[in-house]
Amino acid sequence: MDITHFFISRNLNYCSNLMEGGFLMGAQQEYYLNLLVDYPELMKAEDVGKFFDKKRRFGYELMKQTDFPTTEIGRLKYVTKINFANWLANQANSKIS
């Protein structure tokens, strides 16, 4: 198993444990996770852009932000679905306050 497959399988197991353990209790996180049900567990910039109905470039621009929960594997950037949902919920909270 190469490092990429190891990281992906480890991260997916962590994400499923989080969801099964009930650690994501916030209604906003659940709302965003429901919106992301058709997206892969490990999202690429293209998936992030698609969520906002934008192009892949938009996803890469978001992933460059310091507060965005990006994971890099080699030159590729990813975000887990759970981290993306949490980030979206935090963005909603920051705009409301």
C-alpha atoms as a PDB file:
ATOM      1  CA  MET A   1       0.000   0.000   0.000  1.00  0.00           C
ATOM      2  CA  ASP A   2       1.486   3.320  -0.991  1.00  0.00           C
ATOM      3  CA  ILE A   3       1.352   6.425   1.185  1.00  0.00           C
ATOM      4  CA  THR A   4      -1.621   7.942  -0.654  1.00  0.00           C
ATOM      5  CA  HIS A   5      -3.826   4.890  -0.143  1.00  0.00           C
ATOM      6  CA  PHE A   6      -2.694   4.612   3.470  1.00  0.00           C
ATOM      7  CA  PHE A   7      -3.603   8.233   4.197  1.00  0.00           C
ATOM      8  CA  ILE A   8      -6.963   7.999   2.453  1.00  0.00           C
ATOM      9  CA  SER A   9      -7.980   4.797   4.234  1.00  0.00           C
ATOM     10  CA  ARG A  10      -6.793   6.149   7.601  1.00  0.00           C
ATOM     11  CA  ASN A  11      -8.663   9.414   7.082  1.00  0.00           C
ATOM     12  CA  LEU A  12     -11.860   7.664   5.951  1.00  0.00           C
ATOM     13  CA  ASN A  13     -11.787   5.402   9.003  1.00  0.00           C
ATOM     14  CA  TYR A  14     -11.319   8.451  11.229  1.00  0.00           C
ATOM     15  CA  CYS A  15     -14.230  10.234   9.554  1.00  0.00           C
ATOM     16  CA  SER A  16     -16.572   7.260   9.874  1.00  0.00           C
ATOM     17  CA  ASN A  17     -15.605   6.883  13.546  1.00  0.00           C
ATOM     18  CA  LEU A  18     -16.422  10.541  14.117  1.00  0.00           C
ATOM     19  CA  MET A  19     -19.816  10.221  12.499  1.00  0.00           C
ATOM     20  CA  GLU A  20     -20.693   6.955  14.269  1.00  0.00           C
ATOM     21  CA  GLY A  21     -19.464   8.273  17.599  1.00  0.00           C
ATOM     22  CA  GLY A  22     -21.809  11.234  17.422  1.00  0.00           C
ATOM     23  CA  PHE A  23     -19.091  13.848  17.799  1.00  0.00           C
ATOM     24  CA  LEU A  24     -20.742  16.098  15.234  1.00  0.00           C
ATOM     25  CA  MET A  25     -23.682  17.244  17.288  1.00  0.00           C
ATOM     26  CA  GLY A  26     -24.316  20.652  15.735  1.00  0.00           C
ATOM     27  CA  ALA A  27     -27.372  21.069  13.555  1.00  0.00           C
ATOM     28  CA  GLN A  28     -25.394  23.160  11.081  1.00  0.00           C
ATOM     29  CA  GLN A  29     -22.752  20.464  10.597  1.00  0.00           C
ATOM     30  CA  GLU A  30     -25.486  17.872  10.040  1.00  0.00           C
ATOM     31  CA  TYR A  31     -27.205  20.199   7.582  1.00  0.00           C
ATOM     32  CA  TYR A  32     -24.024  20.637   5.550  1.00  0.00           C
ATOM     33  CA  LEU A  33     -23.203  16.923   5.723  1.00  0.00           C
ATOM     34  CA  ASN A  34     -26.639  16.218   4.263  1.00  0.00           C
ATOM     35  CA  LEU A  35     -25.905  18.654   1.437  1.00  0.00           C
ATOM     36  CA  LEU A  36     -22.606  16.833   0.810  1.00  0.00           C
ATOM     37  CA  VAL A  37     -24.067  13.321   0.725  1.00  0.00           C
ATOM     38  CA  ASP A  38     -23.305  12.874  -3.004  1.00  0.00           C
ATOM     39  CA  TYR A  39     -19.710  14.075  -2.677  1.00  0.00           C
ATOM     40  CA  PRO A  40     -16.705  11.827  -1.967  1.00  0.00           C
ATOM     41  CA  GLU A  41     -15.353  11.534   1.585  1.00  0.00           C
ATOM     42  CA  LEU A  42     -12.061  13.070   0.425  1.00  0.00           C
ATOM     43  CA  MET A  43     -12.946  16.079  -1.718  1.00  0.00           C
ATOM     44  CA  LYS A  44     -10.728  17.636  -4.385  1.00  0.00           C
ATOM     45  CA  ALA A  45     -10.744  21.270  -5.455  1.00  0.00           C
ATOM     46  CA  GLU A  46     -13.080  20.322  -8.286  1.00  0.00           C
ATOM     47  CA  ASP A  47     -15.614  18.969  -5.766  1.00  0.00           C
ATOM     48  CA  VAL A  48     -15.363  22.102  -3.612  1.00  0.00           C
ATOM     49  CA  GLY A  49     -15.911  24.310  -6.658  1.00  0.00           C
ATOM     50  CA  LYS A  50     -18.835  22.151  -7.769  1.00  0.00           C
ATOM     51  CA  PHE A  51     -20.470  22.534  -4.335  1.00  0.00           C
ATOM     52  CA  PHE A  52     -20.511  26.315  -4.835  1.00  0.00           C
ATOM     53  CA  ASP A  53     -21.575  25.885  -8.476  1.00  0.00           C
ATOM     54  CA  LYS A  54     -18.200  27.274  -9.558  1.00  0.00           C
ATOM     55  CA  LYS A  55     -15.168  25.903 -11.381  1.00  0.00           C
ATOM     56  CA  ARG A  56     -12.179  23.991 -10.015  1.00  0.00           C
ATOM     57  CA  ARG A  57     -10.146  27.215  -9.824  1.00  0.00           C
ATOM     58  CA  PHE A  58     -12.540  28.517  -7.167  1.00  0.00           C
ATOM     59  CA  GLY A  59     -11.897  25.380  -5.106  1.00  0.00           C
ATOM     60  CA  TYR A  60      -8.142  25.910  -5.329  1.00  0.00           C
ATOM     61  CA  GLU A  61      -8.503  29.543  -4.280  1.00  0.00           C
ATOM     62  CA  LEU A  62     -10.488  28.475  -1.210  1.00  0.00           C
ATOM     63  CA  MET A  63      -7.902  25.822  -0.395  1.00  0.00           C
ATOM     64  CA  LYS A  64      -5.192  28.489  -0.373  1.00  0.00           C
ATOM     65  CA  GLN A  65      -6.871  30.278   2.535  1.00  0.00           C
ATOM     66  CA  THR A  66      -5.176  29.692   5.873  1.00  0.00           C
ATOM     67  CA  ASP A  67      -8.428  28.894   7.710  1.00  0.00           C
ATOM     68  CA  PHE A  68      -9.513  26.268   5.161  1.00  0.00           C
ATOM     69  CA  PRO A  69      -8.860  22.685   6.399  1.00  0.00           C
ATOM     70  CA  THR A  70      -6.739  21.484   3.501  1.00  0.00           C
ATOM     71  CA  THR A  71      -4.727  18.275   3.473  1.00  0.00           C
ATOM     72  CA  GLU A  72      -1.925  17.939   0.944  1.00  0.00           C
ATOM     73  CA  ILE A  73      -0.789  14.630  -0.498  1.00  0.00           C
ATOM     74  CA  GLY A  74       2.195  15.375  -2.674  1.00  0.00           C
ATOM     75  CA  ARG A  75       1.106  18.255  -4.880  1.00  0.00           C
ATOM     76  CA  LEU A  76      -2.608  17.470  -4.591  1.00  0.00           C
ATOM     77  CA  LYS A  77      -4.917  19.201  -2.122  1.00  0.00           C
ATOM     78  CA  TYR A  78      -7.903  17.590  -0.460  1.00  0.00           C
ATOM     79  CA  VAL A  79     -10.433  18.298   2.279  1.00  0.00           C
ATOM     80  CA  THR A  80     -12.465  15.693   4.141  1.00  0.00           C
ATOM     81  CA  LYS A  81     -16.219  15.992   3.892  1.00  0.00           C
ATOM     82  CA  ILE A  82     -16.520  16.413   7.669  1.00  0.00           C
ATOM     83  CA  ASN A  83     -13.873  19.151   7.828  1.00  0.00           C
ATOM     84  CA  PHE A  84     -15.547  20.926   4.916  1.00  0.00           C
ATOM     85  CA  ALA A  85     -18.950  20.744   6.646  1.00  0.00           C
ATOM     86  CA  ASN A  86     -17.424  22.118   9.858  1.00  0.00           C
ATOM     87  CA  TRP A  87     -15.711  24.895   7.909  1.00  0.00           C
ATOM     88  CA  LEU A  88     -19.009  25.801   6.213  1.00  0.00           C
ATOM     89  CA  ALA A  89     -20.788  25.897   9.573  1.00  0.00           C
ATOM     90  CA  ASN A  90     -18.073  28.158  11.003  1.00  0.00           C
ATOM     91  CA  GLN A  91     -18.370  30.470   8.007  1.00  0.00           C
ATOM     92  CA  ALA A  92     -22.114  30.735   8.581  1.00  0.00           C
ATOM     93  CA  ASN A  93     -21.526  31.511  12.250  1.00  0.00           C
ATOM     94  CA  SER A  94     -18.939  34.191  11.493  1.00  0.00           C
ATOM     95  CA  LYS A  95     -21.261  35.966   9.066  1.00  0.00           C
ATOM     96  CA  ILE A  96     -24.149  35.948  11.532  1.00  0.00           C
ATOM     97  CA  SER A  97     -22.138  37.350  14.450  1.00  0.00           C
END
